[in-house]
Every structure is written in structure tokens, then in C-alpha cells.
């Protein structure tokens, strides 16, 4: 039940966030893609300028080498060698500028991806409220929702009330039936108490005389529905057990994300509340784009400042931030893939029981709701694409 609540909270948040955001998922993606495209175009422009400078400098070095090689004038040779050294220093500065340009673009990409994930991770954490499917799944496990169960169970309660003083087992079952046995509090059809219930139901069936065929048939139908639902619920619980690991991974990723996000925001001089107001809760797509443009410039300014303050080790600090941002995206993609795979397991569960004569008609109604859940998830999350983009989010020198 705890796992189901976690999954329900997950979907619920997803719907709430979607209600808050007025533009579509595709618009959300296009905002990030546009700003990342702007970063790439700016880097390409700078790279072309640096490449052009290097080509010209190499050409000048080549001409100087030709002169140095043939000149017989010692003074001219020394002057040309000095000029050659100066040109090589200019080339080194151009190469260093190119390195700075790449680090600026990569850190801008890291910041944009981190901030964008603030809107992406929260729907993932609360995706679990498309209550339609999961509520229906719980209702399917409740024997009180089956007409073939109710009539037999009503008579079983009368039987239990009569024999409850005969032994401890019947007394315990009588207490269970009294405390549960309704739509709000269904019978415990799995676990330790379920075995006591089944044993008592078997005793009830055996107590019915052969001349009461209709009553016996009714009781046997009640018993068949209960035991079948017990197996269905057991199989369902096995599927939901995987949520322990998924939930833990989600929680760990959220902590790691918050740590990395807050650290990088401090580095560029932006508060988390400013991100929340200016981007996460902002419904206007154009304003979000403009906000990311400002953040992009702050990221570039930070890289430049770090290089000025620590010319020797400036790249190390930036490098670790790049790796942390990339790792978050990979973990995010991995978790969404696990959730997608987990949802698919419900298809196997439904297929196993939808032809069962006792509970099949109820189980088969889950198919359409599960397909709707899958569609909702697939429209919002693309696990493979997320991992793929994470491995290609930076430029290499």
C-alpha cells in the first residue's frame, strides 16, 4: 500500500504541474533546444573567428620561416626570430581563447540543463496521480466489488457469528469480518490473516448440507473469487515491490540534484527562489526563454571570472560542475526508463487474469486505463532520448 501511495503521489504531481503550465511539452522542449542552439551558434561563430586568426598566424610564421631560412643578415634573422616568437604567443592566446570559449559554452549548457530539470524532475517525482488506473487496480482487488461474492459473504457472516464462540480461529475471523468486509475496508485477502479467513470459509462450505445445493454453490463461488483475488493481489504486490528501489533512486537523485543545483546557483550569484519565480513557475514561454538567456550570460561571466582569479586551476572547478550536471541527466533518464519498464509489467499482470472466469471481466477494464497511463508517461518522458542527449551535451576541445 505504501508503494502504491508513492506511485499515486508521483502521477498526481504530474497532472498538477501540467495544469500549471499553459504551454505544451513540445513547447517546453523547444525553449531548451532554442537556448542550447543559441549557445552552439555563438560558439561556432567564435570558433570560426579563432580558426581564421590561427590560419593567418600560421601563414605569417610560414613566411617568416622562409625568410629566416635564406637570410644572411644576422640582424634581420634575429628580428624575424623575435617576430616569430611574438606570433606564436599570439597563436597561444588564440588557442587559450578557444579553450575558454568551449568551457563557457559547456558551462552554459550545464546551467541551462540543470535549471530546465527543475520543471522536469518535479513531474517525475509526483507523476503517480493519474488515479484512474491505480484506483481501479485497488478496486479490482476488493472482493466486495464482485456480485458473485456479496451474496455468499453475507451468509458467511451469519455463519461466523454463530460459531465464533466455538474456537479461537472462528473468533479471530469474526473479529476480522466485523472490522472489515465492506467497500471502505476490504477483507485481508493476502498475508497471515487471509489464511485464517480461507480456512474459515472452507469450514463454512463443508458445513452446508448436500440438499442445499444453491447455497453451497453460492458459497463456493464466494470462495473461488476470494482465492483468485488473493493470487491476483499477490502478483500485483510483486510488481509493486520494485517501487522500493525506484522510490529510493528518485529520492537520492532529488537530493543530489538539489545539492548540485544550489551549488551552481551560488556560483553564478542566483537564488533558488529567483529560479522558481523566474522560470519554474513562469507560465509564459517567451519569458522563460528570456530568463534562460540571462542565466546563460551569467554562466559565461562566471567562467571568465574564475579564469581571471585562478589562471592555473580554473578549469578543474568548472570540469566537476560539468560532470555533475551530466550525471544527473543520465540518472534521470535511467530512472524514467525503469518506471517505463515497471509500468509495462502491469500489462503482463492484466494479460494473466483477464480471461479468468471469476475476475476477468473486472481485470479487462484495466487495459484501457493502463494504455492511457502509458500514453501520458510516453508523452512526458523520453528515457532513451534523455540519456542520449546527456552523453552529447558538451563540446570537446
Protein backbone atom coordinates (compact mmCIF):
# COMPACT_ATOMS: atom_id res chain seq x y z
CA UNK A 1 0.00 0.00 0.00
CA UNK A 2 2.91 2.32 0.84
CA UNK A 3 4.42 1.71 -2.59
CA UNK A 4 1.09 2.44 -4.26
CA UNK A 5 0.78 5.73 -2.38
CA UNK A 6 4.24 6.76 -3.59
CA UNK A 7 3.30 5.93 -7.17
CA UNK A 8 -0.02 7.79 -6.82
CA UNK A 9 1.75 10.88 -5.48
CA UNK A 10 4.09 10.63 -8.45
CA UNK A 11 1.29 10.82 -11.03
CA UNK A 12 -0.69 13.38 -9.07
CA UNK A 13 2.09 15.91 -9.14
CA UNK A 14 2.50 15.32 -12.85
CA UNK A 15 -1.10 16.35 -13.51
CA UNK A 16 -0.87 19.35 -11.22
CA UNK A 17 2.26 20.64 -12.91
CA UNK A 18 0.71 20.11 -16.32
CA UNK A 19 -2.28 22.16 -15.18
CA UNK A 20 0.07 24.93 -14.02
CA UNK A 21 1.95 25.02 -17.31
CA UNK A 22 -0.12 26.59 -20.08
CA UNK A 23 2.13 25.54 -22.95
CA UNK A 24 2.67 22.01 -24.21
CA UNK A 25 5.50 19.60 -23.56
CA UNK A 26 6.75 20.24 -27.07
CA UNK A 27 6.90 23.99 -26.36
CA UNK A 28 8.84 23.26 -23.18
CA UNK A 29 11.36 21.20 -25.13
CA UNK A 30 11.66 23.84 -27.84
CA UNK A 31 12.57 26.52 -25.29
CA UNK A 32 15.53 24.50 -24.05
CA UNK A 33 16.52 23.43 -27.55
CA UNK A 34 16.41 27.05 -28.75
CA UNK A 35 18.61 28.35 -25.96
CA UNK A 36 21.05 25.45 -26.39
CA UNK A 37 21.02 26.19 -30.11
CA UNK A 38 21.88 29.81 -29.36
CA UNK A 39 24.83 28.64 -27.27
CA UNK A 40 26.04 26.41 -30.08
CA UNK A 41 25.70 29.15 -32.71
CA UNK A 42 27.62 31.58 -30.54
CA UNK A 43 30.39 29.01 -30.01
CA UNK A 44 30.54 28.25 -33.74
CA UNK A 45 30.90 31.95 -34.51
CA UNK A 46 33.73 32.31 -32.01
CA UNK A 47 35.40 29.15 -33.27
CA UNK A 48 35.37 30.46 -36.83
CA UNK A 49 36.98 33.70 -35.68
CA UNK A 50 39.69 31.83 -33.74
CA UNK A 51 40.29 29.42 -36.62
CA UNK A 52 40.65 32.33 -39.01
CA UNK A 53 43.12 34.02 -36.67
CA UNK A 54 45.19 30.85 -36.32
CA UNK A 55 45.29 30.30 -40.09
CA UNK A 56 46.55 33.84 -40.61
CA UNK A 57 49.15 33.47 -37.84
CA UNK A 58 50.35 30.15 -39.25
CA UNK A 59 50.68 31.79 -42.65
CA UNK A 60 52.80 34.56 -41.15
CA UNK A 61 55.00 32.02 -39.36
CA UNK A 62 55.47 30.15 -42.60
CA UNK A 63 56.59 33.29 -44.41
CA UNK A 64 58.96 34.23 -41.59
CA UNK A 65 60.48 30.75 -41.64
CA UNK A 66 61.15 31.14 -45.36
CA UNK A 67 62.90 34.47 -44.78
CA UNK A 68 64.87 33.13 -41.78
CA UNK A 69 66.00 30.18 -43.82
CA UNK A 70 67.52 32.22 -46.67
CA UNK A 71 68.56 35.45 -44.98
CA UNK A 72 72.28 36.05 -44.48
CA UNK A 73 71.79 39.18 -42.42
CA UNK A 74 72.26 38.34 -38.69
CA UNK A 75 70.25 41.36 -37.52
CA UNK A 76 67.38 40.56 -39.86
CA UNK A 77 67.48 36.95 -38.71
CA UNK A 78 67.25 37.99 -35.06
CA UNK A 79 64.38 40.41 -35.79
CA UNK A 80 62.47 37.72 -37.67
CA UNK A 81 63.01 35.21 -34.87
CA UNK A 82 61.72 37.73 -32.33
CA UNK A 83 58.70 38.41 -34.55
CA UNK A 84 58.15 34.64 -34.91
CA UNK A 85 58.07 34.24 -31.11
CA UNK A 86 55.55 37.09 -30.85
CA UNK A 87 53.31 35.46 -33.45
CA UNK A 88 53.49 32.11 -31.65
CA UNK A 89 52.49 33.89 -28.43
CA UNK A 90 49.52 35.38 -30.29
CA UNK A 91 48.62 31.90 -31.52
CA UNK A 92 48.83 30.52 -27.98
CA UNK A 93 46.49 33.27 -26.79
CA UNK A 94 44.08 32.37 -29.60
CA UNK A 95 44.18 28.70 -28.57
CA UNK A 96 43.58 29.68 -24.95
CA UNK A 97 40.67 31.87 -26.05
CA UNK A 98 39.24 28.91 -27.94
CA UNK A 99 39.56 26.80 -24.79
CA UNK A 100 37.79 29.49 -22.80
CA UNK A 101 35.02 29.67 -25.41
CA UNK A 102 34.43 25.91 -25.18
CA UNK A 103 34.36 25.94 -21.37
CA UNK A 104 31.95 28.88 -21.39
CA UNK A 105 29.60 27.10 -23.82
CA UNK A 106 29.78 23.84 -21.90
CA UNK A 107 29.07 25.52 -18.57
CA UNK A 108 26.21 27.46 -20.12
CA UNK A 109 24.80 24.15 -21.35
CA UNK A 110 25.19 22.62 -17.87
CA UNK A 111 23.35 25.53 -16.21
CA UNK A 112 20.53 25.53 -18.78
CA UNK A 113 20.06 21.77 -18.40
CA UNK A 114 20.12 21.97 -14.60
CA UNK A 115 17.56 24.76 -14.44
CA UNK A 116 15.33 23.12 -17.05
CA UNK A 117 15.28 19.94 -14.99
CA UNK A 118 13.66 21.85 -12.15
CA UNK A 119 10.45 21.68 -14.22
CA UNK A 120 11.14 18.11 -15.41
CA UNK A 121 12.08 16.30 -12.18
CA UNK A 122 9.07 17.51 -10.18
CA UNK A 123 6.52 15.99 -12.56
CA UNK A 124 8.55 12.79 -12.37
CA UNK A 125 8.54 12.78 -8.57
CA UNK A 126 4.78 13.27 -8.42
CA UNK A 127 3.75 11.52 -11.66
CA UNK A 128 1.80 8.93 -9.71
CA UNK A 129 -1.69 10.51 -9.58
CA UNK A 130 -3.45 9.56 -12.68
CA UNK A 131 -5.51 7.93 -10.03
CA UNK A 132 -7.81 6.40 -12.62
CA UNK A 133 -5.69 3.31 -13.28
CA UNK A 134 -4.33 2.79 -9.78
CA UNK A 135 -7.67 3.35 -8.07
CA UNK A 136 -9.22 0.85 -10.48
CA UNK A 137 -6.40 -1.58 -9.73
CA UNK A 138 -7.13 -1.37 -6.00
CA UNK A 139 -10.86 -1.73 -6.60
CA UNK A 140 -10.22 -4.85 -8.68
CA UNK A 141 -8.57 -6.45 -5.64
CA UNK A 142 -11.55 -5.77 -3.39
CA UNK A 143 -13.92 -8.79 -3.32
CA UNK A 144 -16.75 -6.53 -2.14
CA UNK A 145 -16.94 -5.18 -5.71
CA UNK A 146 -17.95 -8.59 -7.08
CA UNK A 147 -21.64 -9.54 -7.20
CA UNK A 148 -20.77 -13.23 -7.03
CA UNK A 149 -19.04 -12.61 -3.72
CA UNK A 150 -21.52 -10.45 -1.86
CA UNK A 151 -24.42 -12.88 -1.54
CA UNK A 152 -22.23 -15.70 -0.29
CA UNK A 153 -20.33 -13.42 2.07
CA UNK A 154 -23.48 -12.11 3.72
CA UNK A 155 -24.44 -15.67 4.64
CA UNK A 156 -20.86 -16.45 5.66
CA UNK A 157 -21.02 -13.59 8.18
CA UNK A 158 -24.16 -15.10 9.70
CA UNK A 159 -22.35 -18.45 9.98
CA UNK A 160 -19.28 -16.87 11.60
CA UNK A 161 -21.42 -15.02 14.13
CA UNK A 162 -22.98 -18.33 15.20
CA UNK A 163 -19.72 -20.30 15.55
CA UNK A 164 -17.40 -17.55 16.84
CA UNK A 165 -17.55 -18.91 20.41
CA UNK A 166 -16.61 -22.46 19.39
CA UNK A 167 -12.85 -21.89 18.99
CA UNK A 168 -10.20 -19.21 18.79
CA UNK A 169 -9.90 -19.41 15.00
CA UNK A 170 -13.56 -18.64 14.37
CA UNK A 171 -13.47 -15.91 16.99
CA UNK A 172 -10.49 -14.27 15.28
CA UNK A 173 -12.19 -14.49 11.87
CA UNK A 174 -15.36 -13.00 13.35
CA UNK A 175 -13.32 -10.00 14.55
CA UNK A 176 -11.71 -9.66 11.10
CA UNK A 177 -15.08 -9.78 9.35
CA UNK A 178 -16.56 -7.27 11.78
CA UNK A 179 -13.67 -4.80 11.33
CA UNK A 180 -13.51 -5.14 7.54
CA UNK A 181 -15.74 -6.79 5.00
CA UNK A 182 -17.03 -3.62 3.35
CA UNK A 183 -16.08 -1.41 0.41
CA UNK A 184 -14.12 1.07 2.55
CA UNK A 185 -12.22 -1.63 4.47
CA UNK A 186 -11.94 -4.74 2.29
CA UNK A 187 -11.09 -8.18 3.59
CA UNK A 188 -7.43 -9.08 4.08
CA UNK A 189 -7.02 -11.47 1.13
CA UNK A 190 -3.22 -11.61 1.37
CA UNK A 191 -0.97 -12.15 4.36
CA UNK A 192 -1.35 -14.09 7.61
CA UNK A 193 -4.99 -13.19 8.27
CA UNK A 194 -6.01 -14.33 4.81
CA UNK A 195 -5.12 -17.94 5.64
CA UNK A 196 -7.39 -17.83 8.68
CA UNK A 197 -10.16 -16.39 6.52
CA UNK A 198 -9.77 -19.06 3.85
CA UNK A 199 -9.78 -21.82 6.44
CA UNK A 200 -12.96 -20.48 7.99
CA UNK A 201 -14.62 -20.15 4.57
CA UNK A 202 -13.71 -23.77 3.82
CA UNK A 203 -15.29 -24.84 7.12
CA UNK A 204 -18.42 -22.90 6.18
CA UNK A 205 -18.68 -24.64 2.80
CA UNK A 206 -18.21 -28.05 4.41
CA UNK A 207 -20.93 -27.27 6.93
CA UNK A 208 -23.56 -26.82 4.21
CA UNK A 209 -25.60 -29.94 3.63
CA UNK A 210 -25.84 -31.63 0.21
CA UNK A 211 -29.52 -30.82 -0.02
CA UNK A 212 -28.72 -27.09 -0.05
CA UNK A 213 -27.10 -27.06 -3.49
CA UNK A 214 -27.78 -23.41 -4.32
CA UNK A 215 -26.37 -22.23 -1.00
CA UNK A 216 -23.30 -24.44 -1.40
CA UNK A 217 -22.77 -23.23 -4.97
CA UNK A 218 -23.06 -19.63 -3.78
CA UNK A 219 -20.50 -20.24 -1.02
CA UNK A 220 -18.11 -21.98 -3.40
CA UNK A 221 -18.35 -19.02 -5.80
CA UNK A 222 -17.51 -16.66 -2.94
CA UNK A 223 -14.51 -18.81 -2.02
CA UNK A 224 -13.30 -19.05 -5.64
CA UNK A 225 -13.45 -15.27 -6.10
CA UNK A 226 -11.63 -14.67 -2.82
CA UNK A 227 -8.77 -17.09 -3.51
CA UNK A 228 -8.38 -15.88 -7.11
CA UNK A 229 -8.24 -12.27 -5.95
CA UNK A 230 -5.70 -13.29 -3.34
CA UNK A 231 -3.41 -14.62 -6.08
CA UNK A 232 -4.03 -11.53 -8.23
CA UNK A 233 -3.21 -9.22 -5.31
CA UNK A 234 -0.07 -11.23 -4.55
CA UNK A 235 1.12 -10.91 -8.15
CA UNK A 236 0.27 -7.20 -8.11
CA UNK A 237 2.28 -6.70 -4.93
CA UNK A 238 5.26 -8.43 -6.53
CA UNK A 239 5.10 -5.92 -9.38
CA UNK A 240 4.86 -3.02 -6.95
CA UNK A 241 7.79 -4.27 -4.85
CA UNK A 242 10.11 -2.79 -7.47
CA UNK A 243 8.89 0.64 -6.39
CA UNK A 244 11.04 0.40 -3.28
CA UNK A 245 14.17 0.66 -5.39
CA UNK A 246 12.69 3.22 -7.79
CA UNK A 247 11.46 5.40 -4.93
CA UNK A 248 14.86 5.30 -3.25
CA UNK A 249 16.58 6.19 -6.52
CA UNK A 250 14.16 9.10 -7.03
CA UNK A 251 14.82 10.42 -3.54
CA UNK A 252 18.59 10.08 -3.90
CA UNK A 253 18.53 11.81 -7.27
CA UNK A 254 16.43 14.67 -5.89
CA UNK A 255 18.94 15.21 -3.06
CA UNK A 256 21.87 15.09 -5.48
CA UNK A 257 20.10 17.41 -7.91
CA UNK A 258 19.30 19.95 -5.19
CA UNK A 259 22.91 19.87 -3.99
CA UNK A 260 24.37 20.41 -7.47
CA UNK A 261 21.72 22.96 -8.43
CA UNK A 262 22.14 25.07 -5.28
CA UNK A 263 25.94 24.98 -5.51
CA UNK A 264 25.96 26.17 -9.12
CA UNK A 265 23.36 28.86 -8.48
CA UNK A 266 25.54 30.22 -5.68
CA UNK A 267 28.49 30.20 -8.07
CA UNK A 268 26.70 32.38 -10.63
CA UNK A 269 25.00 34.55 -7.99
CA UNK A 270 21.38 33.45 -8.42
CA UNK A 271 18.99 32.31 -5.68
CA UNK A 272 16.81 29.22 -5.89
CA UNK A 273 13.76 31.36 -5.26
CA UNK A 274 14.67 33.51 -8.22
CA UNK A 275 14.78 30.36 -10.39
CA UNK A 276 11.40 29.28 -9.01
CA UNK A 277 9.74 32.60 -9.74
CA UNK A 278 11.52 33.43 -12.97
CA UNK A 279 11.42 30.02 -14.59
CA UNK A 280 9.84 27.06 -12.77
CA UNK A 281 6.52 28.77 -12.03
CA UNK A 282 6.57 31.07 -15.04
CA UNK A 283 3.85 30.04 -17.48
CA UNK A 284 4.83 32.35 -20.35
CA UNK A 285 7.22 30.55 -22.71
CA UNK A 286 8.82 33.76 -24.02
CA UNK A 287 9.60 34.97 -20.52
CA UNK A 288 11.16 31.61 -19.66
CA UNK A 289 13.32 31.84 -22.77
CA UNK A 290 14.47 35.36 -21.86
CA UNK A 291 15.18 34.22 -18.32
CA UNK A 292 17.36 31.36 -19.59
CA UNK A 293 19.18 33.84 -21.83
CA UNK A 294 20.12 35.89 -18.76
CA UNK A 295 21.28 32.79 -16.92
CA UNK A 296 23.33 31.75 -19.92
CA UNK A 297 25.22 35.04 -19.79
CA UNK A 298 25.77 34.73 -16.03
CA UNK A 299 27.29 31.29 -16.59
CA UNK A 300 29.67 32.64 -19.22
CA UNK A 301 30.65 35.55 -16.96
CA UNK A 302 31.37 33.14 -14.12
CA UNK A 303 33.78 31.08 -16.24
CA UNK A 304 35.62 34.24 -17.28
CA UNK A 305 35.86 35.46 -13.66
CA UNK A 306 37.16 32.11 -12.43
CA UNK A 307 39.89 32.10 -15.07
CA UNK A 308 40.96 35.60 -14.03
CA UNK A 309 41.00 34.73 -10.33
CA UNK A 310 42.73 31.37 -10.69
CA UNK A 311 44.60 31.19 -14.02
CA UNK A 312 46.32 27.94 -13.06
CA UNK A 313 43.46 25.70 -11.85
CA UNK A 314 40.33 27.41 -13.20
CA UNK A 315 39.36 24.52 -15.48
CA UNK A 316 39.23 21.94 -12.68
CA UNK A 317 36.39 23.68 -10.84
CA UNK A 318 34.30 24.04 -13.99
CA UNK A 319 35.00 20.47 -15.08
CA UNK A 320 33.50 18.94 -11.92
CA UNK A 321 30.33 21.01 -12.33
CA UNK A 322 30.01 19.77 -15.91
CA UNK A 323 30.36 16.15 -14.83
CA UNK A 324 27.78 16.51 -12.02
CA UNK A 325 25.19 18.06 -14.36
CA UNK A 326 25.75 15.32 -16.93
CA UNK A 327 25.47 12.59 -14.28
CA UNK A 328 22.10 13.95 -13.12
CA UNK A 329 20.72 13.77 -16.67
CA UNK A 330 21.96 10.20 -17.10
CA UNK A 331 20.43 9.14 -13.76
CA UNK A 332 17.18 10.89 -14.64
CA UNK A 333 17.00 9.01 -17.93
CA UNK A 334 17.80 5.73 -16.20
CA UNK A 335 15.04 6.21 -13.61
CA UNK A 336 12.43 7.14 -16.20
CA UNK A 337 13.41 4.03 -18.16
CA UNK A 338 12.93 1.89 -15.04
CA UNK A 339 9.50 3.45 -14.46
CA UNK A 340 8.51 2.81 -18.07
CA UNK A 341 9.63 -0.82 -17.75
CA UNK A 342 7.75 -1.09 -14.45
CA UNK A 343 4.50 0.20 -15.97
CA UNK A 344 4.85 -2.39 -18.75
CA UNK A 345 4.74 -5.14 -16.11
CA UNK A 346 1.12 -4.28 -15.40
CA UNK A 347 0.32 -5.37 -18.96
CA UNK A 348 1.65 -8.83 -18.13
CA UNK A 349 -0.43 -8.90 -14.93
CA UNK A 350 -3.61 -7.94 -16.79
CA UNK A 351 -2.98 -10.45 -19.57
CA UNK A 352 -2.61 -13.23 -17.00
CA UNK A 353 -6.02 -12.67 -15.39
CA UNK A 354 -8.28 -11.00 -17.95
CA UNK A 355 -9.66 -14.35 -19.17
CA UNK A 356 -10.20 -15.71 -15.67
CA UNK A 357 -13.86 -16.65 -15.27
CA UNK A 358 -14.06 -15.26 -11.73
CA UNK A 359 -12.38 -11.85 -12.02
CA UNK A 360 -11.65 -11.47 -15.77
CA UNK A 361 -14.48 -9.01 -16.57
CA UNK A 362 -13.16 -6.63 -13.90
CA UNK A 363 -9.49 -7.06 -14.87
CA UNK A 364 -10.10 -6.46 -18.58
CA UNK A 365 -11.41 -2.95 -17.82
CA UNK A 366 -7.92 -2.05 -16.60
CA UNK A 367 -6.50 -2.39 -20.12
CA UNK A 368 -7.82 0.92 -21.44
CA UNK A 369 -6.80 2.82 -18.32
CA UNK A 370 -3.31 1.33 -18.41
CA UNK A 371 -2.94 2.35 -22.07
CA UNK A 372 -3.94 5.87 -21.11
CA UNK A 373 -1.34 5.86 -18.33
CA UNK A 374 1.34 4.66 -20.75
CA UNK A 375 0.40 7.35 -23.23
CA UNK A 376 0.58 10.02 -20.52
CA UNK A 377 4.02 8.85 -19.46
CA UNK A 378 5.37 8.48 -23.01
CA UNK A 379 4.19 11.98 -23.92
CA UNK A 380 6.01 13.48 -20.94
CA UNK A 381 9.18 11.41 -20.61
CA UNK A 382 11.67 10.07 -23.15
CA UNK A 383 14.21 7.95 -21.24
CA UNK A 384 16.38 6.96 -24.19
CA UNK A 385 16.45 10.47 -25.61
CA UNK A 386 17.42 11.88 -22.22
CA UNK A 387 20.41 9.57 -21.84
CA UNK A 388 21.38 10.10 -25.47
CA UNK A 389 21.36 13.90 -25.12
CA UNK A 390 23.28 13.70 -21.84
CA UNK A 391 26.21 11.94 -23.49
CA UNK A 392 26.34 14.67 -26.17
CA UNK A 393 25.69 17.80 -24.13
CA UNK A 394 29.28 19.11 -24.20
CA UNK A 395 31.79 20.11 -26.85
CA UNK A 396 35.24 18.54 -26.77
CA UNK A 397 38.37 20.55 -27.40
